[in-house]
Amino acid sequence: MIKKSWSKLARPVAVIGLCCVTAMSLQGCVEMVVGSAVMGTFAATDRRTFGAQTEDKAIVIKGETRVHRLLGKNGHVNVNSFNRRVLLTGEVVDENAKSAAERELRAVEGVVSVTNELVIAGASDLSARSSDTLVTTKVKATFVDTKDISANAFKVVTEAGVVYLMGRVTQREGTHAANIASSISGVRKVVKVFEYISEEELKTYQATPDKNPPSDN
């Protein structure tokens, strides 16, 4: 009964949380807004181990610090990491800055790979970033409301209307999610940055949804 009740509540709670995140995202208060209980539930159903989740947070902090020290105000670089695989998005002044930012991230301990999607352009303004935040929230909310997708398996990043999808998913899940995201208003393009798993691995996660995967590999 408890499990069934949570299933009924999970989607509306998640959608409410995502709407709140949109309002507070620029202040970095996600956990304060959504609540530690909901965030804890998301963490428990993540397809990464707790160790990988913790390491991803450390990689982002270290990476952002390194890039800011390197570029200062000469670039707007977003660092995201999922299962130690890094995605760089944003704007830099030239190719040298783009390459240098990637080198800095590759030097961070624990990083497995870097996908460099930085563009040579002036830094985006607050209005553009707010619009991207709204698009990200719409994509996440749509995933939550889609019954045949595990929304928590995906990390969504939006930059200049381009949606980047990260996560540990099957080819089938990845294709389905990309098709859904591409149909949402405000999305110019969808880029898949997935770590693919087999259907057999997926069945393991589905059989034990409240447990972490047995390894980080």
C-alpha atoms as a PDB file:
ATOM      1  CA  MET A   1       0.000   0.000   0.000  1.00  0.00           C
ATOM      2  CA  ILE A   2       2.805   2.416   0.860  1.00  0.00           C
ATOM      3  CA  LYS A   3       4.546   1.749  -2.430  1.00  0.00           C
ATOM      4  CA  LYS A   4       1.288   2.282  -4.358  1.00  0.00           C
ATOM      5  CA  SER A   5       0.551   5.518  -2.513  1.00  0.00           C
ATOM      6  CA  TRP A   6       4.028   6.861  -3.295  1.00  0.00           C
ATOM      7  CA  SER A   7       3.547   5.962  -6.955  1.00  0.00           C
ATOM      8  CA  LYS A   8       0.406   8.137  -7.064  1.00  0.00           C
ATOM      9  CA  LEU A   9       2.137  11.025  -5.316  1.00  0.00           C
ATOM     10  CA  ALA A  10       5.548  10.842  -7.009  1.00  0.00           C
ATOM     11  CA  ARG A  11       4.636  12.570 -10.286  1.00  0.00           C
ATOM     12  CA  PRO A  12       2.749  15.596  -8.878  1.00  0.00           C
ATOM     13  CA  VAL A  13       5.368  16.066  -6.145  1.00  0.00           C
ATOM     14  CA  ALA A  14       8.158  15.925  -8.700  1.00  0.00           C
ATOM     15  CA  VAL A  15       6.422  18.385 -11.022  1.00  0.00           C
ATOM     16  CA  ILE A  16       5.811  20.819  -8.144  1.00  0.00           C
ATOM     17  CA  GLY A  17       9.453  20.482  -7.168  1.00  0.00           C
ATOM     18  CA  LEU A  18      10.606  21.204 -10.706  1.00  0.00           C
ATOM     19  CA  CYS A  19       8.439  24.335 -10.903  1.00  0.00           C
ATOM     20  CA  CYS A  20       9.950  25.559  -7.657  1.00  0.00           C
ATOM     21  CA  VAL A  21      13.429  24.817  -8.958  1.00  0.00           C
ATOM     22  CA  THR A  22      12.759  27.055 -11.946  1.00  0.00           C
ATOM     23  CA  ALA A  23      11.898  29.940  -9.650  1.00  0.00           C
ATOM     24  CA  MET A  24      14.976  29.475  -7.500  1.00  0.00           C
ATOM     25  CA  SER A  25      17.552  27.990  -9.876  1.00  0.00           C
ATOM     26  CA  LEU A  26      19.583  31.183 -10.212  1.00  0.00           C
ATOM     27  CA  GLN A  27      20.007  31.258  -6.430  1.00  0.00           C
ATOM     28  CA  GLY A  28      21.198  27.640  -6.284  1.00  0.00           C
ATOM     29  CA  CYS A  29      18.641  26.658  -3.634  1.00  0.00           C
ATOM     30  CA  VAL A  30      17.338  23.450  -5.216  1.00  0.00           C
ATOM     31  CA  GLU A  31      17.453  21.222  -2.151  1.00  0.00           C
ATOM     32  CA  MET A  32      16.013  23.911   0.120  1.00  0.00           C
ATOM     33  CA  VAL A  33      13.043  24.357  -2.214  1.00  0.00           C
ATOM     34  CA  VAL A  34      12.255  20.753  -3.139  1.00  0.00           C
ATOM     35  CA  GLY A  35      13.026  19.368   0.283  1.00  0.00           C
ATOM     36  CA  SER A  36      15.597  16.828   1.443  1.00  0.00           C
ATOM     37  CA  ALA A  37      13.043  13.982   1.503  1.00  0.00           C
ATOM     38  CA  VAL A  38      12.194  14.354  -2.196  1.00  0.00           C
ATOM     39  CA  MET A  39      15.846  14.892  -3.151  1.00  0.00           C
ATOM     40  CA  GLY A  40      16.742  11.798  -1.137  1.00  0.00           C
ATOM     41  CA  THR A  41      14.168   9.748  -3.045  1.00  0.00           C
ATOM     42  CA  PHE A  42      15.618  10.939  -6.352  1.00  0.00           C
ATOM     43  CA  ALA A  43      19.134  10.049  -5.193  1.00  0.00           C
ATOM     44  CA  ALA A  44      18.038   6.577  -4.115  1.00  0.00           C
ATOM     45  CA  THR A  45      16.565   5.807  -7.555  1.00  0.00           C
ATOM     46  CA  ASP A  46      19.513   7.231  -9.479  1.00  0.00           C
ATOM     47  CA  ARG A  47      21.248   4.697 -11.734  1.00  0.00           C
ATOM     48  CA  ARG A  48      24.620   5.878 -10.485  1.00  0.00           C
ATOM     49  CA  THR A  49      26.102   4.618  -7.243  1.00  0.00           C
ATOM     50  CA  PHE A  50      26.053   7.029  -4.310  1.00  0.00           C
ATOM     51  CA  GLY A  51      29.822   7.258  -4.738  1.00  0.00           C
ATOM     52  CA  ALA A  52      29.456   8.364  -8.355  1.00  0.00           C
ATOM     53  CA  GLN A  53      26.777  10.905  -7.425  1.00  0.00           C
ATOM     54  CA  THR A  54      29.079  12.405  -4.805  1.00  0.00           C
ATOM     55  CA  GLU A  55      32.025  12.396  -7.190  1.00  0.00           C
ATOM     56  CA  ASP A  56      29.987  14.148  -9.874  1.00  0.00           C
ATOM     57  CA  LYS A  57      29.233  16.991  -7.469  1.00  0.00           C
ATOM     58  CA  ALA A  58      32.935  17.292  -6.639  1.00  0.00           C
ATOM     59  CA  ILE A  59      33.892  17.256 -10.328  1.00  0.00           C
ATOM     60  CA  VAL A  60      31.485  20.117 -11.061  1.00  0.00           C
ATOM     61  CA  ILE A  61      32.809  22.247  -8.190  1.00  0.00           C
ATOM     62  CA  LYS A  62      36.457  21.597  -9.054  1.00  0.00           C
ATOM     63  CA  GLY A  63      35.824  22.064 -12.767  1.00  0.00           C
ATOM     64  CA  GLU A  64      33.978  25.355 -12.363  1.00  0.00           C
ATOM     65  CA  THR A  65      36.723  26.648 -10.062  1.00  0.00           C
ATOM     66  CA  ARG A  66      39.446  25.714 -12.552  1.00  0.00           C
ATOM     67  CA  VAL A  67      37.635  27.242 -15.528  1.00  0.00           C
ATOM     68  CA  HIS A  68      36.804  30.467 -13.678  1.00  0.00           C
ATOM     69  CA  ARG A  69      40.438  30.789 -12.625  1.00  0.00           C
ATOM     70  CA  LEU A  70      41.501  30.199 -16.226  1.00  0.00           C
ATOM     71  CA  LEU A  71      39.008  32.396 -18.095  1.00  0.00           C
ATOM     72  CA  GLY A  72      37.672  34.837 -15.541  1.00  0.00           C
ATOM     73  CA  LYS A  73      35.081  37.036 -17.259  1.00  0.00           C
ATOM     74  CA  ASN A  74      36.238  35.969 -20.726  1.00  0.00           C
ATOM     75  CA  GLY A  75      33.766  33.136 -20.903  1.00  0.00           C
ATOM     76  CA  HIS A  76      30.501  31.708 -19.656  1.00  0.00           C
ATOM     77  CA  VAL A  77      31.094  27.995 -19.094  1.00  0.00           C
ATOM     78  CA  ASN A  78      28.670  25.505 -17.553  1.00  0.00           C
ATOM     79  CA  VAL A  79      30.103  22.272 -16.179  1.00  0.00           C
ATOM     80  CA  ASN A  80      27.877  19.216 -15.783  1.00  0.00           C
ATOM     81  CA  SER A  81      28.925  15.711 -14.826  1.00  0.00           C
ATOM     82  CA  PHE A  82      26.988  12.451 -14.888  1.00  0.00           C
ATOM     83  CA  ASN A  83      28.735   9.259 -13.808  1.00  0.00           C
ATOM     84  CA  ARG A  84      32.068  11.096 -14.165  1.00  0.00           C
ATOM     85  CA  ARG A  85      31.364  12.030 -17.775  1.00  0.00           C
ATOM     86  CA  VAL A  86      31.589  15.791 -18.204  1.00  0.00           C
ATOM     87  CA  LEU A  87      29.605  18.065 -20.501  1.00  0.00           C
ATOM     88  CA  LEU A  88      30.857  21.596 -21.190  1.00  0.00           C
ATOM     89  CA  THR A  89      28.385  24.142 -22.547  1.00  0.00           C
ATOM     90  CA  GLY A  90      28.365  27.908 -22.873  1.00  0.00           C
ATOM     91  CA  GLU A  91      30.375  30.543 -24.683  1.00  0.00           C
ATOM     92  CA  VAL A  92      34.087  31.380 -24.889  1.00  0.00           C
ATOM     93  CA  VAL A  93      36.087  34.007 -26.770  1.00  0.00           C
ATOM     94  CA  ASP A  94      38.107  31.740 -29.091  1.00  0.00           C
ATOM     95  CA  GLU A  95      39.256  28.195 -29.903  1.00  0.00           C
ATOM     96  CA  ASN A  96      42.214  28.487 -27.535  1.00  0.00           C
ATOM     97  CA  ALA A  97      39.879  29.183 -24.627  1.00  0.00           C
ATOM     98  CA  LYS A  98      37.645  26.299 -25.691  1.00  0.00           C
ATOM     99  CA  SER A  99      40.572  23.863 -25.773  1.00  0.00           C
ATOM    100  CA  ALA A 100      42.011  25.201 -22.523  1.00  0.00           C
ATOM    101  CA  ALA A 101      38.697  24.729 -20.704  1.00  0.00           C
ATOM    102  CA  GLU A 102      38.543  21.121 -21.870  1.00  0.00           C
ATOM    103  CA  ARG A 103      42.107  20.479 -20.707  1.00  0.00           C
ATOM    104  CA  GLU A 104      41.276  21.847 -17.283  1.00  0.00           C
ATOM    105  CA  LEU A 105      38.343  19.457 -16.920  1.00  0.00           C
ATOM    106  CA  ARG A 106      40.297  16.451 -18.163  1.00  0.00           C
ATOM    107  CA  ALA A 107      42.841  17.179 -15.427  1.00  0.00           C
ATOM    108  CA  VAL A 108      40.203  16.914 -12.674  1.00  0.00           C
ATOM    109  CA  GLU A 109      40.523  13.704 -10.698  1.00  0.00           C
ATOM    110  CA  GLY A 110      37.873  11.111 -11.512  1.00  0.00           C
ATOM    111  CA  VAL A 111      36.822  12.498 -14.900  1.00  0.00           C
ATOM    112  CA  VAL A 112      36.297   9.689 -17.421  1.00  0.00           C
ATOM    113  CA  SER A 113      35.482  11.751 -20.520  1.00  0.00           C
ATOM    114  CA  VAL A 114      34.683  15.309 -21.635  1.00  0.00           C
ATOM    115  CA  THR A 115      32.137  16.332 -24.268  1.00  0.00           C
ATOM    116  CA  ASN A 116      33.036  19.865 -25.307  1.00  0.00           C
ATOM    117  CA  GLU A 117      29.999  21.760 -26.658  1.00  0.00           C
ATOM    118  CA  LEU A 118      31.377  25.258 -26.004  1.00  0.00           C
ATOM    119  CA  VAL A 119      30.737  27.782 -28.770  1.00  0.00           C
ATOM    120  CA  ILE A 120      32.754  30.809 -29.849  1.00  0.00           C
ATOM    121  CA  ALA A 121      30.455  33.705 -29.006  1.00  0.00           C
ATOM    122  CA  GLY A 122      29.747  36.464 -26.521  1.00  0.00           C
ATOM    123  CA  ALA A 123      28.396  35.411 -23.149  1.00  0.00           C
ATOM    124  CA  SER A 124      24.623  34.893 -23.037  1.00  0.00           C
ATOM    125  CA  ASP A 125      22.548  37.373 -21.023  1.00  0.00           C
ATOM    126  CA  LEU A 126      20.274  36.748 -18.046  1.00  0.00           C
ATOM    127  CA  SER A 127      17.165  36.657 -20.235  1.00  0.00           C
ATOM    128  CA  ALA A 128      18.600  33.880 -22.424  1.00  0.00           C
ATOM    129  CA  ARG A 129      19.690  31.862 -19.402  1.00  0.00           C
ATOM    130  CA  SER A 130      16.270  32.224 -17.780  1.00  0.00           C
ATOM    131  CA  SER A 131      14.675  31.002 -21.004  1.00  0.00           C
ATOM    132  CA  ASP A 132      17.003  27.979 -20.996  1.00  0.00           C
ATOM    133  CA  THR A 133      16.074  27.237 -17.389  1.00  0.00           C
ATOM    134  CA  LEU A 134      12.396  27.260 -18.346  1.00  0.00           C
ATOM    135  CA  VAL A 135      13.023  24.876 -21.253  1.00  0.00           C
ATOM    136  CA  THR A 136      14.942  22.502 -18.972  1.00  0.00           C
ATOM    137  CA  THR A 137      12.062  22.508 -16.499  1.00  0.00           C
ATOM    138  CA  LYS A 138       9.493  21.816 -19.218  1.00  0.00           C
ATOM    139  CA  VAL A 139      11.536  18.879 -20.509  1.00  0.00           C
ATOM    140  CA  LYS A 140      11.971  17.431 -17.011  1.00  0.00           C
ATOM    141  CA  ALA A 141       8.294  17.871 -16.179  1.00  0.00           C
ATOM    142  CA  THR A 142       7.305  16.146 -19.409  1.00  0.00           C
ATOM    143  CA  PHE A 143       9.603  13.228 -18.597  1.00  0.00           C
ATOM    144  CA  VAL A 144       8.027  12.953 -15.139  1.00  0.00           C
ATOM    145  CA  ASP A 145       4.586  12.884 -16.734  1.00  0.00           C
ATOM    146  CA  THR A 146       5.553  10.185 -19.264  1.00  0.00           C
ATOM    147  CA  LYS A 147       4.719   6.768 -17.854  1.00  0.00           C
ATOM    148  CA  ASP A 148       7.168   4.711 -19.912  1.00  0.00           C
ATOM    149  CA  ILE A 149      10.209   6.852 -18.996  1.00  0.00           C
ATOM    150  CA  SER A 150      12.143   6.897 -15.733  1.00  0.00           C
ATOM    151  CA  ALA A 151      12.608  10.658 -15.417  1.00  0.00           C
ATOM    152  CA  ASN A 152      15.330  10.317 -12.793  1.00  0.00           C
ATOM    153  CA  ALA A 153      17.519   8.399 -15.267  1.00  0.00           C
ATOM    154  CA  PHE A 154      18.034  11.607 -17.259  1.00  0.00           C
ATOM    155  CA  LYS A 155      19.960  14.819 -16.661  1.00  0.00           C
ATOM    156  CA  VAL A 156      18.751  17.734 -18.798  1.00  0.00           C
ATOM    157  CA  VAL A 157      20.955  20.702 -19.710  1.00  0.00           C
ATOM    158  CA  THR A 158      19.804  23.542 -21.982  1.00  0.00           C
ATOM    159  CA  GLU A 159      22.051  26.093 -23.651  1.00  0.00           C
ATOM    160  CA  ALA A 160      20.707  28.615 -26.202  1.00  0.00           C
ATOM    161  CA  GLY A 161      17.673  26.403 -26.795  1.00  0.00           C
ATOM    162  CA  VAL A 162      19.778  23.307 -27.417  1.00  0.00           C
ATOM    163  CA  VAL A 163      18.835  20.497 -25.035  1.00  0.00           C
ATOM    164  CA  TYR A 164      21.562  18.082 -23.976  1.00  0.00           C
ATOM    165  CA  LEU A 165      20.404  14.791 -22.500  1.00  0.00           C
ATOM    166  CA  MET A 166      22.737  12.886 -20.180  1.00  0.00           C
ATOM    167  CA  GLY A 167      22.194   9.683 -18.235  1.00  0.00           C
ATOM    168  CA  ARG A 168      22.642   5.910 -18.021  1.00  0.00           C
ATOM    169  CA  VAL A 169      19.936   4.655 -20.357  1.00  0.00           C
ATOM    170  CA  THR A 170      19.223   2.038 -23.001  1.00  0.00           C
ATOM    171  CA  GLN A 171      19.267   2.931 -26.689  1.00  0.00           C
ATOM    172  CA  ARG A 172      15.481   2.605 -26.670  1.00  0.00           C
ATOM    173  CA  GLU A 173      15.056   4.956 -23.692  1.00  0.00           C
ATOM    174  CA  GLY A 174      17.480   7.473 -25.158  1.00  0.00           C
ATOM    175  CA  THR A 175      15.741   7.620 -28.516  1.00  0.00           C
ATOM    176  CA  HIS A 176      12.309   7.926 -26.903  1.00  0.00           C
ATOM    177  CA  ALA A 177      13.447  10.714 -24.554  1.00  0.00           C
ATOM    178  CA  ALA A 178      15.104  12.635 -27.394  1.00  0.00           C
ATOM    179  CA  ASN A 179      11.927  12.447 -29.473  1.00  0.00           C
ATOM    180  CA  ILE A 180       9.863  13.736 -26.553  1.00  0.00           C
ATOM    181  CA  ALA A 181      12.274  16.594 -25.815  1.00  0.00           C
ATOM    182  CA  SER A 182      12.411  17.669 -29.457  1.00  0.00           C
ATOM    183  CA  SER A 183       8.621  18.154 -29.481  1.00  0.00           C
ATOM    184  CA  ILE A 184       8.645  20.683 -26.624  1.00  0.00           C
ATOM    185  CA  SER A 185       8.263  24.379 -27.436  1.00  0.00           C
ATOM    186  CA  GLY A 186      11.483  26.364 -27.150  1.00  0.00           C
ATOM    187  CA  VAL A 187      13.728  23.412 -28.005  1.00  0.00           C
ATOM    188  CA  ARG A 188      15.830  24.124 -31.099  1.00  0.00           C
ATOM    189  CA  LYS A 189      17.816  20.912 -31.098  1.00  0.00           C
ATOM    190  CA  VAL A 190      18.420  17.822 -28.951  1.00  0.00           C
ATOM    191  CA  VAL A 191      21.899  16.378 -28.404  1.00  0.00           C
ATOM    192  CA  LYS A 192      22.287  12.946 -26.805  1.00  0.00           C
ATOM    193  CA  VAL A 193      25.257  12.605 -24.438  1.00  0.00           C
ATOM    194  CA  PHE A 194      24.303   9.243 -22.977  1.00  0.00           C
ATOM    195  CA  GLU A 195      26.159   6.380 -21.369  1.00  0.00           C
ATOM    196  CA  TYR A 196      24.279   3.415 -22.780  1.00  0.00           C
ATOM    197  CA  ILE A 197      23.355   0.329 -20.769  1.00  0.00           C
ATOM    198  CA  SER A 198      21.817  -2.949 -21.917  1.00  0.00           C
ATOM    199  CA  GLU A 199      18.191  -3.958 -21.541  1.00  0.00           C
ATOM    200  CA  GLU A 200      19.401  -6.629 -19.090  1.00  0.00           C
ATOM    201  CA  GLU A 201      20.997  -3.968 -16.884  1.00  0.00           C
ATOM    202  CA  LEU A 202      17.787  -1.971 -17.023  1.00  0.00           C
ATOM    203  CA  LYS A 203      15.802  -4.972 -15.769  1.00  0.00           C
ATOM    204  CA  THR A 204      18.178  -5.143 -12.788  1.00  0.00           C
ATOM    205  CA  TYR A 205      17.470  -1.516 -11.885  1.00  0.00           C
ATOM    206  CA  GLN A 206      13.740  -2.016 -12.294  1.00  0.00           C
ATOM    207  CA  ALA A 207      13.803  -5.085 -10.063  1.00  0.00           C
ATOM    208  CA  THR A 208      15.536  -3.145  -7.255  1.00  0.00           C
ATOM    209  CA  PRO A 209      14.435   0.501  -7.799  1.00  0.00           C
ATOM    210  CA  ASP A 210      15.438   1.660  -4.307  1.00  0.00           C
ATOM    211  CA  LYS A 211      18.966   0.321  -4.487  1.00  0.00           C
ATOM    212  CA  ASN A 212      22.080   1.599  -6.224  1.00  0.00           C
ATOM    213  CA  PRO A 213      23.719  -0.369  -9.047  1.00  0.00           C
ATOM    214  CA  PRO A 214      26.308  -2.884  -7.809  1.00  0.00           C
ATOM    215  CA  SER A 215      29.278  -1.053  -9.342  1.00  0.00           C
ATOM    216  CA  ASP A 216      30.340   2.219 -10.978  1.00  0.00           C
ATOM    217  CA  ASN A 217      31.134   0.590 -14.302  1.00  0.00           C
END
